Amino acid sequence: MKYGAYGLVEVLGSTAAILVVDKMLKTSSVGFETWNTKCGGHVTVFLGGDVSAVQSAVEAVKENPPCDIIAAAVISNPSEETERMVGLAR
């Protein structure tokens, strides 16, 4: 699905990832896309939606985090290659 933006938030552990996803979904009209785990327990969650909704969701977890946030970013108007990468991670 083509989104106006992706929100990415990196945390440590799948429980923390679920807390972040829950908060972001409750904050604004975004959709969960996928998550990616790496060694050491790092989990990056990907949510999509229109730019303002994604920015609002990412800001909500940065301003009042339910757990430790390692990194957070918003990618507005993602490239076709970025869309493909997210699609492969599903």
PDB file of N, CA and C in Angstrom:
ATOM      1  N   MET A   1       0.847  -1.186   0.000  1.00  0.00           N
ATOM      2  CA  MET A   1       0.000   0.000   0.000  1.00  0.00           C
ATOM      3  C   MET A   1       0.884   1.238   0.000  1.00  0.00           C
ATOM      4  N   LYS A   2       0.544   2.202  -0.773  1.00  0.00           N
ATOM      5  CA  LYS A   2       1.302   3.453  -0.860  1.00  0.00           C
ATOM      6  C   LYS A   2       0.866   4.396   0.249  1.00  0.00           C
ATOM      7  N   TYR A   3       1.835   4.844   1.048  1.00  0.00           N
ATOM      8  CA  TYR A   3       1.562   5.781   2.129  1.00  0.00           C
ATOM      9  C   TYR A   3       2.248   7.108   1.837  1.00  0.00           C
ATOM     10  N   GLY A   4       1.761   8.147   2.472  1.00  0.00           N
ATOM     11  CA  GLY A   4       2.404   9.451   2.378  1.00  0.00           C
ATOM     12  C   GLY A   4       3.646   9.516   3.232  1.00  0.00           C
ATOM     13  N   ALA A   5       3.701   8.663   4.277  1.00  0.00           N
ATOM     14  CA  ALA A   5       4.861   8.673   5.169  1.00  0.00           C
ATOM     15  C   ALA A   5       4.960   7.350   5.918  1.00  0.00           C
ATOM     16  N   TYR A   6       6.174   7.060   6.365  1.00  0.00           N
ATOM     17  CA  TYR A   6       6.426   5.952   7.274  1.00  0.00           C
ATOM     18  C   TYR A   6       7.005   6.522   8.557  1.00  0.00           C
ATOM     19  N   GLY A   7       6.600   5.954   9.674  1.00  0.00           N
ATOM     20  CA  GLY A   7       7.195   6.270  10.963  1.00  0.00           C
ATOM     21  C   GLY A   7       7.975   5.057  11.425  1.00  0.00           C
ATOM     22  N   LEU A   8       9.191   5.261  11.846  1.00  0.00           N
ATOM     23  CA  LEU A   8      10.047   4.189  12.332  1.00  0.00           C
ATOM     24  C   LEU A   8      10.470   4.510  13.752  1.00  0.00           C
ATOM     25  N   VAL A   9      10.331   3.527  14.631  1.00  0.00           N
ATOM     26  CA  VAL A   9      10.766   3.706  16.014  1.00  0.00           C
ATOM     27  C   VAL A   9      11.530   2.451  16.413  1.00  0.00           C
ATOM     28  N   GLU A  10      12.727   2.658  16.938  1.00  0.00           N
ATOM     29  CA  GLU A  10      13.564   1.551  17.373  1.00  0.00           C
ATOM     30  C   GLU A  10      13.577   1.478  18.890  1.00  0.00           C
ATOM     31  N   VAL A  11      13.357   0.259  19.397  1.00  0.00           N
ATOM     32  CA  VAL A  11      13.341   0.011  20.834  1.00  0.00           C
ATOM     33  C   VAL A  11      14.123  -1.271  21.113  1.00  0.00           C
ATOM     34  N   LEU A  12      14.253  -1.605  22.370  1.00  0.00           N
ATOM     35  CA  LEU A  12      14.929  -2.836  22.760  1.00  0.00           C
ATOM     36  C   LEU A  12      13.880  -3.818  23.274  1.00  0.00           C
ATOM     37  N   GLY A  13      13.636  -4.888  22.534  1.00  0.00           N
ATOM     38  CA  GLY A  13      12.719  -5.940  22.953  1.00  0.00           C
ATOM     39  C   GLY A  13      11.353  -5.870  22.306  1.00  0.00           C
ATOM     40  N   SER A  14      10.770  -7.041  22.097  1.00  0.00           N
ATOM     41  CA  SER A  14       9.469  -7.105  21.432  1.00  0.00           C
ATOM     42  C   SER A  14       8.337  -6.572  22.304  1.00  0.00           C
ATOM     43  N   THR A  15       8.436  -6.702  23.614  1.00  0.00           N
ATOM     44  CA  THR A  15       7.404  -6.147  24.489  1.00  0.00           C
ATOM     45  C   THR A  15       7.374  -4.634  24.371  1.00  0.00           C
ATOM     46  N   ALA A  16       8.539  -4.017  24.362  1.00  0.00           N
ATOM     47  CA  ALA A  16       8.613  -2.562  24.191  1.00  0.00           C
ATOM     48  C   ALA A  16       8.061  -2.164  22.820  1.00  0.00           C
ATOM     49  N   ALA A  17       8.338  -2.963  21.801  1.00  0.00           N
ATOM     50  CA  ALA A  17       7.833  -2.669  20.456  1.00  0.00           C
ATOM     51  C   ALA A  17       6.312  -2.676  20.440  1.00  0.00           C
ATOM     52  N   ILE A  18       5.711  -3.629  21.116  1.00  0.00           N
ATOM     53  CA  ILE A  18       4.248  -3.704  21.176  1.00  0.00           C
ATOM     54  C   ILE A  18       3.682  -2.489  21.900  1.00  0.00           C
ATOM     55  N   LEU A  19       4.324  -2.064  22.978  1.00  0.00           N
ATOM     56  CA  LEU A  19       3.878  -0.862  23.692  1.00  0.00           C
ATOM     57  C   LEU A  19       3.925   0.368  22.793  1.00  0.00           C
ATOM     58  N   VAL A  20       4.997   0.496  22.016  1.00  0.00           N
ATOM     59  CA  VAL A  20       5.141   1.635  21.109  1.00  0.00           C
ATOM     60  C   VAL A  20       4.077   1.595  20.018  1.00  0.00           C
ATOM     61  N   VAL A  21       3.891   0.432  19.407  1.00  0.00           N
ATOM     62  CA  VAL A  21       2.880   0.298  18.346  1.00  0.00           C
ATOM     63  C   VAL A  21       1.505   0.640  18.893  1.00  0.00           C
ATOM     64  N   ASP A  22       1.173   0.115  20.058  1.00  0.00           N
ATOM     65  CA  ASP A  22      -0.136   0.387  20.660  1.00  0.00           C
ATOM     66  C   ASP A  22      -0.347   1.882  20.866  1.00  0.00           C
ATOM     67  N   LYS A  23       0.649   2.549  21.415  1.00  0.00           N
ATOM     68  CA  LYS A  23       0.528   3.993  21.665  1.00  0.00           C
ATOM     69  C   LYS A  23       0.380   4.760  20.349  1.00  0.00           C
ATOM     70  N   MET A  24       1.155   4.400  19.341  1.00  0.00           N
ATOM     71  CA  MET A  24       1.089   5.100  18.062  1.00  0.00           C
ATOM     72  C   MET A  24      -0.264   4.895  17.381  1.00  0.00           C
ATOM     73  N   LEU A  25      -0.778   3.670  17.441  1.00  0.00           N
ATOM     74  CA  LEU A  25      -2.080   3.393  16.821  1.00  0.00           C
ATOM     75  C   LEU A  25      -3.214   4.131  17.530  1.00  0.00           C
ATOM     76  N   LYS A  26      -3.078   4.309  18.847  1.00  0.00           N
ATOM     77  CA  LYS A  26      -4.098   5.026  19.611  1.00  0.00           C
ATOM     78  C   LYS A  26      -4.002   6.539  19.443  1.00  0.00           C
ATOM     79  N   THR A  27      -2.820   7.022  19.043  1.00  0.00           N
ATOM     80  CA  THR A  27      -2.576   8.461  18.938  1.00  0.00           C
ATOM     81  C   THR A  27      -3.183   9.067  17.685  1.00  0.00           C
ATOM     82  N   SER A  28      -3.026   8.399  16.560  1.00  0.00           N
ATOM     83  CA  SER A  28      -3.512   8.969  15.300  1.00  0.00           C
ATOM     84  C   SER A  28      -3.853   7.862  14.316  1.00  0.00           C
ATOM     85  N   SER A  29      -4.353   8.256  13.179  1.00  0.00           N
ATOM     86  CA  SER A  29      -4.819   7.313  12.160  1.00  0.00           C
ATOM     87  C   SER A  29      -3.641   6.809  11.328  1.00  0.00           C
ATOM     88  N   VAL A  30      -2.895   5.886  11.907  1.00  0.00           N
ATOM     89  CA  VAL A  30      -1.776   5.246  11.227  1.00  0.00           C
ATOM     90  C   VAL A  30      -2.042   3.755  11.174  1.00  0.00           C
ATOM     91  N   GLY A  31      -1.321   3.060  10.319  1.00  0.00           N
ATOM     92  CA  GLY A  31      -1.472   1.618  10.209  1.00  0.00           C
ATOM     93  C   GLY A  31      -0.152   0.917  10.450  1.00  0.00           C
ATOM     94  N   PHE A  32      -0.203  -0.195  11.171  1.00  0.00           N
ATOM     95  CA  PHE A  32       1.000  -0.990  11.407  1.00  0.00           C
ATOM     96  C   PHE A  32       1.394  -1.673  10.105  1.00  0.00           C
ATOM     97  N   GLU A  33       2.660  -1.575   9.749  1.00  0.00           N
ATOM     98  CA  GLU A  33       3.169  -2.217   8.535  1.00  0.00           C
ATOM     99  C   GLU A  33       3.936  -3.489   8.850  1.00  0.00           C
ATOM    100  N   THR A  34       4.988  -3.360   9.646  1.00  0.00           N
ATOM    101  CA  THR A  34       5.833  -4.514   9.965  1.00  0.00           C
ATOM    102  C   THR A  34       6.780  -4.136  11.091  1.00  0.00           C
ATOM    103  N   TRP A  35       7.554  -5.093  11.534  1.00  0.00           N
ATOM    104  CA  TRP A  35       8.654  -4.799  12.439  1.00  0.00           C
ATOM    105  C   TRP A  35       9.840  -5.649  12.028  1.00  0.00           C
ATOM    106  N   ASN A  36      10.997  -5.193  12.418  1.00  0.00           N
ATOM    107  CA  ASN A  36      12.229  -5.844  12.026  1.00  0.00           C
ATOM    108  C   ASN A  36      13.072  -6.004  13.278  1.00  0.00           C
ATOM    109  N   THR A  37      13.542  -7.224  13.515  1.00  0.00           N
ATOM    110  CA  THR A  37      14.380  -7.466  14.693  1.00  0.00           C
ATOM    111  C   THR A  37      15.816  -7.706  14.254  1.00  0.00           C
ATOM    112  N   LYS A  38      16.724  -7.264  15.080  1.00  0.00           N
ATOM    113  CA  LYS A  38      18.155  -7.445  14.830  1.00  0.00           C
ATOM    114  C   LYS A  38      18.793  -8.049  16.069  1.00  0.00           C
ATOM    115  N   CYS A  39      20.012  -8.490  15.916  1.00  0.00           N
ATOM    116  CA  CYS A  39      20.715  -9.078  17.051  1.00  0.00           C
ATOM    117  C   CYS A  39      20.805  -8.066  18.191  1.00  0.00           C
ATOM    118  N   GLY A  40      20.863  -8.558  19.370  1.00  0.00           N
ATOM    119  CA  GLY A  40      20.910  -7.686  20.537  1.00  0.00           C
ATOM    120  C   GLY A  40      19.529  -7.264  21.008  1.00  0.00           C
ATOM    121  N   GLY A  41      18.479  -7.770  20.352  1.00  0.00           N
ATOM    122  CA  GLY A  41      17.123  -7.471  20.779  1.00  0.00           C
ATOM    123  C   GLY A  41      16.542  -6.183  20.254  1.00  0.00           C
ATOM    124  N   HIS A  42      17.232  -5.495  19.364  1.00  0.00           N
ATOM    125  CA  HIS A  42      16.701  -4.251  18.810  1.00  0.00           C
ATOM    126  C   HIS A  42      15.550  -4.558  17.859  1.00  0.00           C
ATOM    127  N   VAL A  43      14.476  -3.802  18.003  1.00  0.00           N
ATOM    128  CA  VAL A  43      13.296  -3.965  17.156  1.00  0.00           C
ATOM    129  C   VAL A  43      12.947  -2.600  16.572  1.00  0.00           C
ATOM    130  N   THR A  44      12.757  -2.556  15.253  1.00  0.00           N
ATOM    131  CA  THR A  44      12.303  -1.333  14.602  1.00  0.00           C
ATOM    132  C   THR A  44      10.894  -1.586  14.095  1.00  0.00           C
ATOM    133  N   VAL A  45       9.952  -0.753  14.532  1.00  0.00           N
ATOM    134  CA  VAL A  45       8.573  -0.872  14.074  1.00  0.00           C
ATOM    135  C   VAL A  45       8.325   0.151  12.971  1.00  0.00           C
ATOM    136  N   PHE A  46       7.531  -0.248  11.998  1.00  0.00           N
ATOM    137  CA  PHE A  46       7.192   0.591  10.861  1.00  0.00           C
ATOM    138  C   PHE A  46       5.688   0.809  10.851  1.00  0.00           C
ATOM    139  N   LEU A  47       5.269   2.071  10.845  1.00  0.00           N
ATOM    140  CA  LEU A  47       3.861   2.410  10.700  1.00  0.00           C
ATOM    141  C   LEU A  47       3.718   3.360   9.528  1.00  0.00           C
ATOM    142  N   GLY A  48       2.575   3.325   8.883  1.00  0.00           N
ATOM    143  CA  GLY A  48       2.364   4.187   7.725  1.00  0.00           C
ATOM    144  C   GLY A  48       1.080   4.966   7.841  1.00  0.00           C
ATOM    145  N   GLY A  49       0.986   6.037   7.072  1.00  0.00           N
ATOM    146  CA  GLY A  49      -0.205   6.866   7.041  1.00  0.00           C
ATOM    147  C   GLY A  49       0.108   8.170   6.353  1.00  0.00           C
ATOM    148  N   ASP A  50      -0.803   9.129   6.476  1.00  0.00           N
ATOM    149  CA  ASP A  50      -0.484  10.421   5.887  1.00  0.00           C
ATOM    150  C   ASP A  50       0.557  11.113   6.765  1.00  0.00           C
ATOM    151  N   VAL A  51       1.238  12.092   6.192  1.00  0.00           N
ATOM    152  CA  VAL A  51       2.396  12.694   6.845  1.00  0.00           C
ATOM    153  C   VAL A  51       2.061  13.240   8.228  1.00  0.00           C
ATOM    154  N   SER A  52       0.975  13.984   8.357  1.00  0.00           N
ATOM    155  CA  SER A  52       0.657  14.594   9.654  1.00  0.00           C
ATOM    156  C   SER A  52       0.305  13.540  10.701  1.00  0.00           C
ATOM    157  N   ALA A  53      -0.381  12.485  10.304  1.00  0.00           N
ATOM    158  CA  ALA A  53      -0.731  11.425  11.259  1.00  0.00           C
ATOM    159  C   ALA A  53       0.514  10.694  11.741  1.00  0.00           C
ATOM    160  N   VAL A  54       1.418  10.399  10.825  1.00  0.00           N
ATOM    161  CA  VAL A  54       2.656   9.697  11.196  1.00  0.00           C
ATOM    162  C   VAL A  54       3.522  10.588  12.086  1.00  0.00           C
ATOM    163  N   GLN A  55       3.650  11.859  11.726  1.00  0.00           N
ATOM    164  CA  GLN A  55       4.431  12.772  12.567  1.00  0.00           C
ATOM    165  C   GLN A  55       3.846  12.855  13.966  1.00  0.00           C
ATOM    166  N   SER A  56       2.532  12.919  14.058  1.00  0.00           N
ATOM    167  CA  SER A  56       1.865  12.991  15.358  1.00  0.00           C
ATOM    168  C   SER A  56       2.125  11.727  16.181  1.00  0.00           C
ATOM    169  N   ALA A  57       2.040  10.570  15.547  1.00  0.00           N
ATOM    170  CA  ALA A  57       2.263   9.304  16.253  1.00  0.00           C
ATOM    171  C   ALA A  57       3.704   9.189  16.748  1.00  0.00           C
ATOM    172  N   VAL A  58       4.663   9.550  15.909  1.00  0.00           N
ATOM    173  CA  VAL A  58       6.074   9.467  16.305  1.00  0.00           C
ATOM    174  C   VAL A  58       6.370  10.470  17.414  1.00  0.00           C
ATOM    175  N   GLU A  59       5.861  11.668  17.293  1.00  0.00           N
ATOM    176  CA  GLU A  59       6.073  12.677  18.345  1.00  0.00           C
ATOM    177  C   GLU A  59       5.470  12.232  19.673  1.00  0.00           C
ATOM    178  N   ALA A  60       4.319  11.563  19.617  1.00  0.00           N
ATOM    179  CA  ALA A  60       3.666  11.103  20.845  1.00  0.00           C
ATOM    180  C   ALA A  60       4.549  10.136  21.624  1.00  0.00           C
ATOM    181  N   VAL A  61       5.203   9.205  20.924  1.00  0.00           N
ATOM    182  CA  VAL A  61       6.058   8.258  21.649  1.00  0.00           C
ATOM    183  C   VAL A  61       7.393   8.891  22.045  1.00  0.00           C
ATOM    184  N   LYS A  62       7.835   9.917  21.318  1.00  0.00           N
ATOM    185  CA  LYS A  62       9.064  10.602  21.718  1.00  0.00           C
ATOM    186  C   LYS A  62       8.832  11.499  22.926  1.00  0.00           C
ATOM    187  N   GLU A  63       7.683  12.171  22.984  1.00  0.00           N
ATOM    188  CA  GLU A  63       7.390  13.101  24.074  1.00  0.00           C
ATOM    189  C   GLU A  63       6.981  12.400  25.360  1.00  0.00           C
ATOM    190  N   ASN A  64       6.283  11.288  25.238  1.00  0.00           N
ATOM    191  CA  ASN A  64       5.818  10.546  26.412  1.00  0.00           C
ATOM    192  C   ASN A  64       6.031   9.057  26.147  1.00  0.00           C
ATOM    193  N   PRO A  65       7.290   8.608  26.150  1.00  0.00           N
ATOM    194  CA  PRO A  65       7.589   7.230  25.744  1.00  0.00           C
ATOM    195  C   PRO A  65       7.091   6.195  26.743  1.00  0.00           C
ATOM    196  N   PRO A  66       6.508   5.101  26.234  1.00  0.00           N
ATOM    197  CA  PRO A  66       6.084   4.016  27.116  1.00  0.00           C
ATOM    198  C   PRO A  66       7.262   3.132  27.532  1.00  0.00           C
ATOM    199  N   CYS A  67       8.433   3.374  26.916  1.00  0.00           N
ATOM    200  CA  CYS A  67       9.650   2.614  27.197  1.00  0.00           C
ATOM    201  C   CYS A  67      10.816   3.436  26.638  1.00  0.00           C
ATOM    202  N   ASP A  68      12.020   2.915  26.751  1.00  0.00           N
ATOM    203  CA  ASP A  68      13.178   3.621  26.201  1.00  0.00           C
ATOM    204  C   ASP A  68      13.143   3.572  24.674  1.00  0.00           C
ATOM    205  N   ILE A  69      13.238   4.736  24.056  1.00  0.00           N
ATOM    206  CA  ILE A  69      13.265   4.846  22.604  1.00  0.00           C
ATOM    207  C   ILE A  69      14.722   5.027  22.186  1.00  0.00           C
ATOM    208  N   ILE A  70      15.205   4.172  21.315  1.00  0.00           N
ATOM    209  CA  ILE A  70      16.585   4.264  20.851  1.00  0.00           C
ATOM    210  C   ILE A  70      16.690   5.277  19.714  1.00  0.00           C
ATOM    211  N   ALA A  71      15.766   5.204  18.768  1.00  0.00           N
ATOM    212  CA  ALA A  71      15.769   6.118  17.628  1.00  0.00           C
ATOM    213  C   ALA A  71      14.360   6.210  17.073  1.00  0.00           C
ATOM    214  N   ALA A  72      14.058   7.329  16.433  1.00  0.00           N
ATOM    215  CA  ALA A  72      12.747   7.518  15.807  1.00  0.00           C
ATOM    216  C   ALA A  72      12.927   8.421  14.597  1.00  0.00           C
ATOM    217  N   ALA A  73      12.150   8.154  13.552  1.00  0.00           N
ATOM    218  CA  ALA A  73      12.256   8.953  12.333  1.00  0.00           C
ATOM    219  C   ALA A  73      10.932   8.899  11.571  1.00  0.00           C
ATOM    220  N   VAL A  74      10.732   9.921  10.749  1.00  0.00           N
ATOM    221  CA  VAL A  74       9.596   9.961   9.833  1.00  0.00           C
ATOM    222  C   VAL A  74      10.168  10.097   8.432  1.00  0.00           C
ATOM    223  N   ILE A  75       9.712   9.247   7.529  1.00  0.00           N
ATOM    224  CA  ILE A  75      10.089   9.338   6.124  1.00  0.00           C
ATOM    225  C   ILE A  75       8.848   9.771   5.366  1.00  0.00           C
ATOM    226  N   SER A  76       8.834  11.024   4.921  1.00  0.00           N
ATOM    227  CA  SER A  76       7.688  11.484   4.146  1.00  0.00           C
ATOM    228  C   SER A  76       7.947  11.229   2.669  1.00  0.00           C
ATOM    229  N   ASN A  77       6.869  10.940   1.944  1.00  0.00           N
ATOM    230  CA  ASN A  77       6.937  10.649   0.513  1.00  0.00           C
ATOM    231  C   ASN A  77       8.018   9.607   0.217  1.00  0.00           C
ATOM    232  N   PRO A  78       7.868   8.387   0.770  1.00  0.00           N
ATOM    233  CA  PRO A  78       8.906   7.370   0.606  1.00  0.00           C
ATOM    234  C   PRO A  78       9.119   7.005  -0.862  1.00  0.00           C
ATOM    235  N   SER A  79      10.358   6.730  -1.201  1.00  0.00           N
ATOM    236  CA  SER A  79      10.699   6.341  -2.573  1.00  0.00           C
ATOM    237  C   SER A  79      10.135   4.956  -2.877  1.00  0.00           C
ATOM    238  N   GLU A  80      10.120   4.610  -4.147  1.00  0.00           N
ATOM    239  CA  GLU A  80       9.649   3.282  -4.551  1.00  0.00           C
ATOM    240  C   GLU A  80      10.521   2.194  -3.934  1.00  0.00           C
ATOM    241  N   GLU A  81      11.799   2.440  -3.821  1.00  0.00           N
ATOM    242  CA  GLU A  81      12.712   1.463  -3.228  1.00  0.00           C
ATOM    243  C   GLU A  81      12.407   1.264  -1.736  1.00  0.00           C
ATOM    244  N   THR A  82      12.104   2.360  -1.057  1.00  0.00           N
ATOM    245  CA  THR A  82      11.730   2.248   0.355  1.00  0.00           C
ATOM    246  C   THR A  82      10.437   1.469   0.492  1.00  0.00           C
ATOM    247  N   GLU A  83       9.477   1.749  -0.371  1.00  0.00           N
ATOM    248  CA  GLU A  83       8.209   0.994  -0.378  1.00  0.00           C
ATOM    249  C   GLU A  83       8.484  -0.491  -0.570  1.00  0.00           C
ATOM    250  N   ARG A  84       9.388  -0.818  -1.481  1.00  0.00           N
ATOM    251  CA  ARG A  84       9.716  -2.214  -1.765  1.00  0.00           C
ATOM    252  C   ARG A  84      10.367  -2.875  -0.545  1.00  0.00           C
ATOM    253  N   MET A  85      11.290  -2.154   0.116  1.00  0.00           N
ATOM    254  CA  MET A  85      11.946  -2.693   1.312  1.00  0.00           C
ATOM    255  C   MET A  85      10.934  -3.015   2.412  1.00  0.00           C
ATOM    256  N   VAL A  86      10.003  -2.100   2.643  1.00  0.00           N
ATOM    257  CA  VAL A  86       8.989  -2.324   3.674  1.00  0.00           C
ATOM    258  C   VAL A  86       8.110  -3.506   3.273  1.00  0.00           C
ATOM    259  N   GLY A  87       7.770  -3.593   2.015  1.00  0.00           N
ATOM    260  CA  GLY A  87       6.967  -4.710   1.519  1.00  0.00           C
ATOM    261  C   GLY A  87       7.660  -6.050   1.698  1.00  0.00           C
ATOM    262  N   LEU A  88       8.950  -6.097   1.505  1.00  0.00           N
ATOM    263  CA  LEU A  88       9.707  -7.347   1.684  1.00  0.00           C
ATOM    264  C   LEU A  88       9.782  -7.756   3.143  1.00  0.00           C
ATOM    265  N   ALA A  89       9.713  -6.799   4.043  1.00  0.00           N
ATOM    266  CA  ALA A  89       9.796  -7.097   5.474  1.00  0.00           C
ATOM    267  C   ALA A  89       8.489  -7.625   6.043  1.00  0.00           C
ATOM    268  N   ARG A  90       7.416  -7.500   5.293  1.00  0.00           N
ATOM    269  CA  ARG A  90       6.111  -7.987   5.792  1.00  0.00           C
ATOM    270  C   ARG A  90       6.070  -9.475   5.892  1.00  0.00           C
TER     271      ARG A  90
END
